[in-house]
N, C-alpha and C. Protein backbone atom coordinates (compact mmCIF):
# COMPACT_ATOMS: atom_id res chain seq x y z
N UNK A 1 24.22 -21.86 43.06
CA UNK A 1 23.06 -21.70 42.18
C UNK A 1 23.34 -22.45 40.88
N UNK A 2 22.32 -23.11 40.39
CA UNK A 2 22.50 -23.91 39.18
C UNK A 2 22.63 -23.01 37.96
N UNK A 3 23.22 -23.56 36.91
CA UNK A 3 23.47 -22.80 35.69
C UNK A 3 22.17 -22.28 35.08
N UNK A 4 21.12 -23.08 35.11
CA UNK A 4 19.84 -22.66 34.54
C UNK A 4 19.32 -21.41 35.25
N UNK A 5 19.46 -21.37 36.56
CA UNK A 5 19.00 -20.21 37.32
C UNK A 5 19.79 -18.96 36.93
N UNK A 6 21.07 -19.10 36.80
CA UNK A 6 21.90 -17.95 36.40
C UNK A 6 21.53 -17.46 35.00
N UNK A 7 21.35 -18.40 34.09
CA UNK A 7 20.98 -18.03 32.73
C UNK A 7 19.60 -17.36 32.70
N UNK A 8 18.65 -17.90 33.44
CA UNK A 8 17.31 -17.31 33.51
C UNK A 8 17.39 -15.90 34.08
N UNK A 9 18.20 -15.70 35.09
CA UNK A 9 18.35 -14.36 35.67
C UNK A 9 18.97 -13.40 34.67
N UNK A 10 19.99 -13.85 33.97
CA UNK A 10 20.65 -13.00 32.98
C UNK A 10 19.69 -12.62 31.85
N UNK A 11 18.99 -13.59 31.32
CA UNK A 11 18.05 -13.33 30.23
C UNK A 11 16.88 -12.47 30.72
N UNK A 12 16.39 -12.76 31.91
CA UNK A 12 15.30 -11.98 32.47
C UNK A 12 15.67 -10.53 32.68
N UNK A 13 16.85 -10.30 33.25
CA UNK A 13 17.30 -8.92 33.48
C UNK A 13 17.56 -8.21 32.17
N UNK A 14 18.11 -8.91 31.19
CA UNK A 14 18.32 -8.31 29.87
C UNK A 14 16.98 -7.94 29.23
N UNK A 15 15.96 -8.74 29.50
CA UNK A 15 14.63 -8.46 28.96
C UNK A 15 13.99 -7.21 29.55
N UNK A 16 14.52 -6.75 30.68
CA UNK A 16 14.00 -5.52 31.28
C UNK A 16 14.50 -4.27 30.56
N UNK A 17 15.61 -4.38 29.85
CA UNK A 17 16.20 -3.21 29.19
C UNK A 17 15.19 -2.53 28.25
N UNK A 18 14.51 -3.27 27.36
CA UNK A 18 13.53 -2.60 26.51
C UNK A 18 12.37 -1.96 27.28
N UNK A 19 11.99 -2.55 28.41
CA UNK A 19 10.93 -1.93 29.22
C UNK A 19 11.40 -0.57 29.73
N UNK A 20 12.57 -0.54 30.31
CA UNK A 20 13.08 0.70 30.90
C UNK A 20 13.39 1.73 29.83
N UNK A 21 14.08 1.31 28.77
CA UNK A 21 14.39 2.25 27.68
C UNK A 21 13.12 2.70 26.95
N UNK A 22 12.18 1.78 26.79
CA UNK A 22 10.92 2.14 26.14
C UNK A 22 10.14 3.15 26.94
N UNK A 23 10.05 2.94 28.24
CA UNK A 23 9.35 3.91 29.09
C UNK A 23 10.07 5.25 29.07
N UNK A 24 11.40 5.20 29.10
CA UNK A 24 12.18 6.45 29.04
C UNK A 24 11.97 7.18 27.73
N UNK A 25 11.90 6.44 26.63
CA UNK A 25 11.71 7.09 25.33
C UNK A 25 10.33 7.74 25.23
N UNK A 26 9.32 7.08 25.79
CA UNK A 26 7.98 7.66 25.78
C UNK A 26 7.94 8.90 26.67
N UNK A 27 8.63 8.84 27.79
CA UNK A 27 8.61 9.93 28.75
C UNK A 27 9.40 11.15 28.28
N UNK A 28 10.58 10.90 27.68
CA UNK A 28 11.47 12.02 27.36
C UNK A 28 11.48 12.44 25.89
N UNK A 29 11.04 11.59 25.00
CA UNK A 29 11.00 11.94 23.58
C UNK A 29 9.58 12.35 23.25
N UNK A 30 9.18 13.48 23.78
CA UNK A 30 7.79 13.90 23.78
C UNK A 30 7.20 14.08 22.38
N UNK A 31 8.02 14.46 21.43
CA UNK A 31 7.48 14.67 20.08
C UNK A 31 7.06 13.36 19.41
N UNK A 32 7.53 12.24 19.94
CA UNK A 32 7.21 10.94 19.36
C UNK A 32 6.63 9.97 20.40
N UNK A 33 6.05 10.50 21.46
CA UNK A 33 5.55 9.66 22.55
C UNK A 33 4.55 8.61 22.08
N UNK A 34 3.62 9.00 21.22
CA UNK A 34 2.58 8.06 20.80
C UNK A 34 3.16 6.90 20.02
N UNK A 35 4.03 7.17 19.06
CA UNK A 35 4.61 6.08 18.28
C UNK A 35 5.52 5.20 19.13
N UNK A 36 6.26 5.82 20.05
CA UNK A 36 7.12 5.04 20.94
C UNK A 36 6.27 4.16 21.87
N UNK A 37 5.10 4.67 22.28
CA UNK A 37 4.20 3.87 23.12
C UNK A 37 3.69 2.66 22.34
N UNK A 38 3.41 2.83 21.06
CA UNK A 38 2.99 1.68 20.24
C UNK A 38 4.08 0.61 20.22
N UNK A 39 5.32 1.01 20.01
CA UNK A 39 6.43 0.05 20.01
C UNK A 39 6.61 -0.58 21.39
N UNK A 40 6.44 0.22 22.41
CA UNK A 40 6.55 -0.28 23.78
C UNK A 40 5.52 -1.38 24.03
N UNK A 41 4.27 -1.14 23.64
CA UNK A 41 3.23 -2.14 23.87
C UNK A 41 3.38 -3.35 22.95
N UNK A 42 3.99 -3.18 21.82
CA UNK A 42 4.31 -4.33 20.98
C UNK A 42 5.29 -5.26 21.71
N UNK A 43 6.29 -4.66 22.35
CA UNK A 43 7.23 -5.46 23.15
C UNK A 43 6.51 -6.11 24.34
N UNK A 44 5.64 -5.34 24.99
CA UNK A 44 4.87 -5.88 26.12
C UNK A 44 4.07 -7.11 25.68
N UNK A 45 3.42 -7.02 24.53
CA UNK A 45 2.62 -8.14 24.03
C UNK A 45 3.51 -9.35 23.70
N UNK A 46 4.68 -9.09 23.14
CA UNK A 46 5.59 -10.19 22.82
C UNK A 46 6.07 -10.93 24.06
N UNK A 47 6.44 -10.18 25.08
CA UNK A 47 6.89 -10.81 26.33
C UNK A 47 5.72 -11.52 27.00
N UNK A 48 4.55 -10.93 26.96
CA UNK A 48 3.36 -11.57 27.52
C UNK A 48 3.10 -12.91 26.83
N UNK A 49 3.20 -12.94 25.52
CA UNK A 49 3.00 -14.19 24.77
C UNK A 49 4.04 -15.23 25.16
N UNK A 50 5.27 -14.79 25.32
CA UNK A 50 6.35 -15.70 25.74
C UNK A 50 6.05 -16.27 27.12
N UNK A 51 5.68 -15.41 28.05
CA UNK A 51 5.42 -15.87 29.42
C UNK A 51 4.17 -16.76 29.47
N UNK A 52 3.15 -16.42 28.72
CA UNK A 52 1.94 -17.26 28.70
C UNK A 52 2.25 -18.61 28.08
N UNK A 53 3.19 -18.63 27.15
CA UNK A 53 3.57 -19.88 26.50
C UNK A 53 4.20 -20.87 27.44
N UNK A 54 4.69 -20.41 28.58
CA UNK A 54 5.29 -21.31 29.57
C UNK A 54 4.24 -22.31 30.07
N UNK A 55 3.00 -21.89 30.16
CA UNK A 55 1.96 -22.74 30.72
C UNK A 55 1.53 -23.85 29.78
N UNK A 56 1.79 -23.69 28.51
CA UNK A 56 1.42 -24.72 27.53
C UNK A 56 2.15 -26.03 27.82
N UNK A 57 3.48 -26.06 27.89
CA UNK A 57 4.15 -27.34 28.17
C UNK A 57 3.87 -27.85 29.58
N UNK A 58 3.62 -26.96 30.53
CA UNK A 58 3.27 -27.43 31.87
C UNK A 58 1.98 -28.24 31.80
N UNK A 59 1.02 -27.73 31.07
CA UNK A 59 -0.26 -28.42 30.95
C UNK A 59 -0.16 -29.73 30.20
N UNK A 60 0.86 -29.88 29.37
CA UNK A 60 0.98 -31.08 28.55
C UNK A 60 1.80 -32.18 29.22
N UNK A 61 2.28 -31.93 30.42
CA UNK A 61 3.00 -32.97 31.14
C UNK A 61 2.01 -34.07 31.51
N UNK A 62 2.27 -35.24 31.05
CA UNK A 62 1.34 -36.34 31.29
C UNK A 62 1.79 -37.23 32.45
N UNK A 63 3.06 -37.26 32.70
CA UNK A 63 3.60 -38.12 33.75
C UNK A 63 4.05 -37.28 34.94
N UNK A 64 3.91 -37.82 36.11
CA UNK A 64 4.45 -37.22 37.33
C UNK A 64 3.99 -35.78 37.54
N UNK A 65 2.72 -35.54 37.44
CA UNK A 65 2.23 -34.18 37.67
C UNK A 65 2.52 -33.78 39.11
N UNK A 66 3.19 -32.67 39.27
CA UNK A 66 3.56 -32.23 40.61
C UNK A 66 3.05 -30.82 40.90
N UNK A 67 1.94 -30.45 40.30
CA UNK A 67 1.40 -29.12 40.52
C UNK A 67 -0.10 -29.24 40.77
N UNK A 68 -0.66 -28.26 41.45
CA UNK A 68 -2.05 -28.38 41.89
C UNK A 68 -3.10 -27.92 40.89
N UNK A 69 -2.70 -27.60 39.68
CA UNK A 69 -3.65 -27.05 38.71
C UNK A 69 -3.89 -28.06 37.60
N UNK A 70 -5.12 -28.16 37.18
CA UNK A 70 -5.48 -29.06 36.09
C UNK A 70 -4.72 -28.69 34.81
N UNK A 71 -4.29 -29.67 34.03
CA UNK A 71 -3.63 -29.36 32.76
C UNK A 71 -4.53 -28.56 31.82
N UNK A 72 -5.82 -28.81 31.87
CA UNK A 72 -6.76 -28.06 31.02
C UNK A 72 -6.75 -26.59 31.42
N UNK A 73 -6.71 -26.32 32.70
CA UNK A 73 -6.70 -24.94 33.19
C UNK A 73 -5.45 -24.22 32.70
N UNK A 74 -4.29 -24.86 32.80
CA UNK A 74 -3.06 -24.19 32.36
C UNK A 74 -3.08 -23.96 30.86
N UNK A 75 -3.59 -24.90 30.09
CA UNK A 75 -3.66 -24.72 28.64
C UNK A 75 -4.62 -23.58 28.28
N UNK A 76 -5.77 -23.55 28.92
CA UNK A 76 -6.76 -22.49 28.64
C UNK A 76 -6.21 -21.13 29.04
N UNK A 77 -5.66 -21.03 30.25
CA UNK A 77 -5.12 -19.74 30.69
C UNK A 77 -3.98 -19.28 29.80
N UNK A 78 -3.15 -20.20 29.34
CA UNK A 78 -2.08 -19.85 28.41
C UNK A 78 -2.65 -19.15 27.19
N UNK A 79 -3.71 -19.72 26.65
CA UNK A 79 -4.31 -19.16 25.44
C UNK A 79 -5.07 -17.87 25.71
N UNK A 80 -5.70 -17.76 26.87
CA UNK A 80 -6.42 -16.54 27.22
C UNK A 80 -5.44 -15.37 27.29
N UNK A 81 -4.34 -15.55 28.01
CA UNK A 81 -3.35 -14.47 28.12
C UNK A 81 -2.77 -14.12 26.74
N UNK A 82 -2.49 -15.14 25.94
CA UNK A 82 -1.93 -14.92 24.61
C UNK A 82 -2.90 -14.14 23.72
N UNK A 83 -4.15 -14.58 23.65
CA UNK A 83 -5.13 -13.96 22.76
C UNK A 83 -5.48 -12.55 23.24
N UNK A 84 -5.73 -12.38 24.52
CA UNK A 84 -6.08 -11.05 25.02
C UNK A 84 -4.91 -10.09 24.84
N UNK A 85 -3.69 -10.56 25.10
CA UNK A 85 -2.53 -9.70 24.88
C UNK A 85 -2.36 -9.32 23.42
N UNK A 86 -2.61 -10.25 22.51
CA UNK A 86 -2.51 -9.94 21.08
C UNK A 86 -3.59 -9.00 20.62
N UNK A 87 -4.82 -9.25 21.05
CA UNK A 87 -5.92 -8.36 20.67
C UNK A 87 -5.75 -6.98 21.30
N UNK A 88 -5.07 -6.92 22.43
CA UNK A 88 -4.81 -5.63 23.07
C UNK A 88 -4.06 -4.67 22.17
N UNK A 89 -3.25 -5.21 21.27
CA UNK A 89 -2.50 -4.35 20.35
C UNK A 89 -3.42 -3.60 19.38
N UNK A 90 -4.63 -4.09 19.21
CA UNK A 90 -5.59 -3.44 18.32
C UNK A 90 -6.39 -2.34 19.03
N UNK A 91 -6.23 -2.24 20.32
CA UNK A 91 -6.98 -1.27 21.11
C UNK A 91 -6.29 0.09 21.09
N UNK A 92 -7.02 1.14 21.42
CA UNK A 92 -6.39 2.46 21.58
C UNK A 92 -5.35 2.42 22.71
N UNK A 93 -4.40 3.33 22.65
CA UNK A 93 -3.32 3.36 23.64
C UNK A 93 -3.83 3.44 25.08
N UNK A 94 -4.88 4.20 25.30
CA UNK A 94 -5.41 4.33 26.66
C UNK A 94 -5.87 2.97 27.21
N UNK A 95 -6.48 2.16 26.36
CA UNK A 95 -6.91 0.83 26.79
C UNK A 95 -5.70 -0.08 27.03
N UNK A 96 -4.69 0.03 26.17
CA UNK A 96 -3.48 -0.76 26.35
C UNK A 96 -2.80 -0.39 27.67
N UNK A 97 -2.85 0.89 28.01
CA UNK A 97 -2.22 1.36 29.24
C UNK A 97 -2.84 0.72 30.47
N UNK A 98 -4.09 0.36 30.37
CA UNK A 98 -4.79 -0.31 31.48
C UNK A 98 -4.63 -1.83 31.37
N UNK A 99 -4.74 -2.35 30.16
CA UNK A 99 -4.77 -3.80 29.94
C UNK A 99 -3.46 -4.49 30.30
N UNK A 100 -2.33 -4.00 29.79
CA UNK A 100 -1.08 -4.74 29.94
C UNK A 100 -0.60 -4.85 31.39
N UNK A 101 -0.69 -3.81 32.21
CA UNK A 101 -0.31 -4.03 33.61
C UNK A 101 -1.20 -5.07 34.30
N UNK A 102 -2.49 -5.08 33.94
CA UNK A 102 -3.39 -6.08 34.53
C UNK A 102 -3.01 -7.49 34.09
N UNK A 103 -2.69 -7.66 32.82
CA UNK A 103 -2.29 -8.97 32.33
C UNK A 103 -0.99 -9.45 32.97
N UNK A 104 -0.03 -8.54 33.10
CA UNK A 104 1.24 -8.91 33.74
C UNK A 104 1.03 -9.29 35.20
N UNK A 105 0.20 -8.54 35.90
CA UNK A 105 -0.11 -8.87 37.29
C UNK A 105 -0.83 -10.21 37.36
N UNK A 106 -1.74 -10.45 36.42
CA UNK A 106 -2.45 -11.73 36.38
C UNK A 106 -1.53 -12.91 36.18
N UNK A 107 -0.58 -12.77 35.27
CA UNK A 107 0.39 -13.86 35.06
C UNK A 107 1.20 -14.12 36.33
N UNK A 108 1.62 -13.04 36.98
CA UNK A 108 2.40 -13.21 38.21
C UNK A 108 1.55 -13.89 39.29
N UNK A 109 0.31 -13.45 39.44
CA UNK A 109 -0.56 -14.06 40.45
C UNK A 109 -0.82 -15.53 40.14
N UNK A 110 -0.90 -15.87 38.87
CA UNK A 110 -1.06 -17.28 38.50
C UNK A 110 0.15 -18.10 38.98
N UNK A 111 1.33 -17.56 38.78
CA UNK A 111 2.54 -18.25 39.24
C UNK A 111 2.56 -18.40 40.76
N UNK A 112 2.21 -17.33 41.45
CA UNK A 112 2.33 -17.32 42.91
C UNK A 112 1.18 -18.06 43.59
N UNK A 113 -0.02 -17.90 43.09
CA UNK A 113 -1.19 -18.50 43.76
C UNK A 113 -1.49 -19.92 43.29
N UNK A 114 -1.39 -20.14 41.98
CA UNK A 114 -1.82 -21.43 41.45
C UNK A 114 -0.67 -22.42 41.28
N UNK A 115 0.52 -21.92 41.01
CA UNK A 115 1.63 -22.82 40.69
C UNK A 115 2.82 -22.66 41.63
N UNK A 116 2.62 -22.07 42.80
CA UNK A 116 3.73 -21.82 43.72
C UNK A 116 4.55 -23.09 43.98
N UNK A 117 3.90 -24.20 44.20
CA UNK A 117 4.63 -25.43 44.52
C UNK A 117 5.40 -25.98 43.33
N UNK A 118 5.06 -25.53 42.14
CA UNK A 118 5.72 -26.02 40.94
C UNK A 118 7.07 -25.34 40.70
N UNK A 119 7.16 -24.04 41.01
CA UNK A 119 8.35 -23.25 40.71
C UNK A 119 9.36 -23.29 41.84
N UNK A 120 10.66 -23.26 41.51
CA UNK A 120 11.67 -23.11 42.57
C UNK A 120 11.59 -21.70 43.17
N UNK A 121 12.03 -21.56 44.41
CA UNK A 121 11.92 -20.28 45.12
C UNK A 121 12.67 -19.16 44.39
N UNK A 122 13.82 -19.47 43.81
CA UNK A 122 14.59 -18.42 43.12
C UNK A 122 13.80 -17.86 41.93
N UNK A 123 13.01 -18.72 41.27
CA UNK A 123 12.25 -18.28 40.12
C UNK A 123 11.16 -17.29 40.53
N UNK A 124 10.48 -17.58 41.63
CA UNK A 124 9.42 -16.68 42.09
C UNK A 124 9.99 -15.33 42.51
N UNK A 125 11.17 -15.33 43.10
CA UNK A 125 11.82 -14.05 43.45
C UNK A 125 12.18 -13.28 42.18
N UNK A 126 12.71 -13.99 41.20
CA UNK A 126 13.05 -13.36 39.92
C UNK A 126 11.79 -12.81 39.25
N UNK A 127 10.72 -13.59 39.25
CA UNK A 127 9.46 -13.15 38.64
C UNK A 127 8.93 -11.90 39.30
N UNK A 128 9.07 -11.81 40.62
CA UNK A 128 8.60 -10.62 41.33
C UNK A 128 9.38 -9.39 40.86
N UNK A 129 10.68 -9.51 40.76
CA UNK A 129 11.51 -8.40 40.29
C UNK A 129 11.16 -8.02 38.85
N UNK A 130 11.12 -9.00 37.97
CA UNK A 130 10.85 -8.74 36.56
C UNK A 130 9.46 -8.16 36.35
N UNK A 131 8.48 -8.73 37.03
CA UNK A 131 7.11 -8.23 36.89
C UNK A 131 7.00 -6.82 37.48
N UNK A 132 7.64 -6.60 38.61
CA UNK A 132 7.60 -5.27 39.23
C UNK A 132 8.17 -4.19 38.33
N UNK A 133 9.32 -4.45 37.73
CA UNK A 133 9.94 -3.46 36.86
C UNK A 133 9.13 -3.27 35.58
N UNK A 134 8.62 -4.35 35.03
CA UNK A 134 7.84 -4.22 33.79
C UNK A 134 6.54 -3.46 34.05
N UNK A 135 5.87 -3.74 35.15
CA UNK A 135 4.63 -3.01 35.46
C UNK A 135 4.95 -1.55 35.79
N UNK A 136 6.02 -1.30 36.50
CA UNK A 136 6.40 0.10 36.78
C UNK A 136 6.66 0.86 35.48
N UNK A 137 7.34 0.21 34.54
CA UNK A 137 7.58 0.84 33.24
C UNK A 137 6.26 1.10 32.51
N UNK A 138 5.35 0.14 32.59
CA UNK A 138 4.05 0.30 31.95
C UNK A 138 3.25 1.43 32.59
N UNK A 139 3.39 1.61 33.89
CA UNK A 139 2.68 2.70 34.56
C UNK A 139 3.26 4.06 34.18
N UNK A 140 4.57 4.12 33.95
CA UNK A 140 5.18 5.37 33.47
C UNK A 140 4.60 5.73 32.10
N UNK A 141 4.55 4.73 31.22
CA UNK A 141 4.00 4.96 29.88
C UNK A 141 2.53 5.34 29.98
N UNK A 142 1.80 4.68 30.85
CA UNK A 142 0.37 5.01 31.03
C UNK A 142 0.21 6.46 31.49
N UNK A 143 1.07 6.88 32.39
CA UNK A 143 1.01 8.26 32.85
C UNK A 143 1.19 9.26 31.72
N UNK A 144 2.14 8.97 30.83
CA UNK A 144 2.36 9.85 29.68
C UNK A 144 1.15 9.82 28.75
N UNK A 145 0.62 8.63 28.50
CA UNK A 145 -0.53 8.51 27.59
C UNK A 145 -1.72 9.28 28.12
N UNK A 146 -2.01 9.14 29.41
CA UNK A 146 -3.17 9.83 29.97
C UNK A 146 -2.93 11.34 30.08
N UNK A 147 -1.69 11.75 30.12
CA UNK A 147 -1.38 13.18 30.10
C UNK A 147 -1.64 13.76 28.70
N UNK A 148 -1.39 12.94 27.67
CA UNK A 148 -1.58 13.40 26.29
C UNK A 148 -3.05 13.48 25.89
N UNK A 149 -3.91 12.75 26.58
CA UNK A 149 -5.33 12.72 26.20
C UNK A 149 -6.03 14.03 26.50
């Protein structure tokens, strides 16, 4: 396995720690669940912005395009995910609980359906793991939020 793949796996797995710890803090620190959920979704929005930002340089490749999606589409989708994820932070927690898992699933589907030929196989496997754990964490937090309502 190439060094970049190992580094991406290490950084990706390390990025799951705040998801898991954040969901645990919302679940078990009941006296502060609402504030911990706000911090959790702040992290969710940050990671979403980072992942959406990947599509910006893909869209700006002018030479040797090797992917089936228009550069305009990747640039627009990058901004849609970024803006909706940012505006999601202004929504009530119940709306965030619905929005962020959908956005994460949407990003993953974009990688798998629209850009599959662009990504190496190891990356798509890593994305499935990372997206699965992050969405599972978001669903735990959503469960707590809807229990509090």
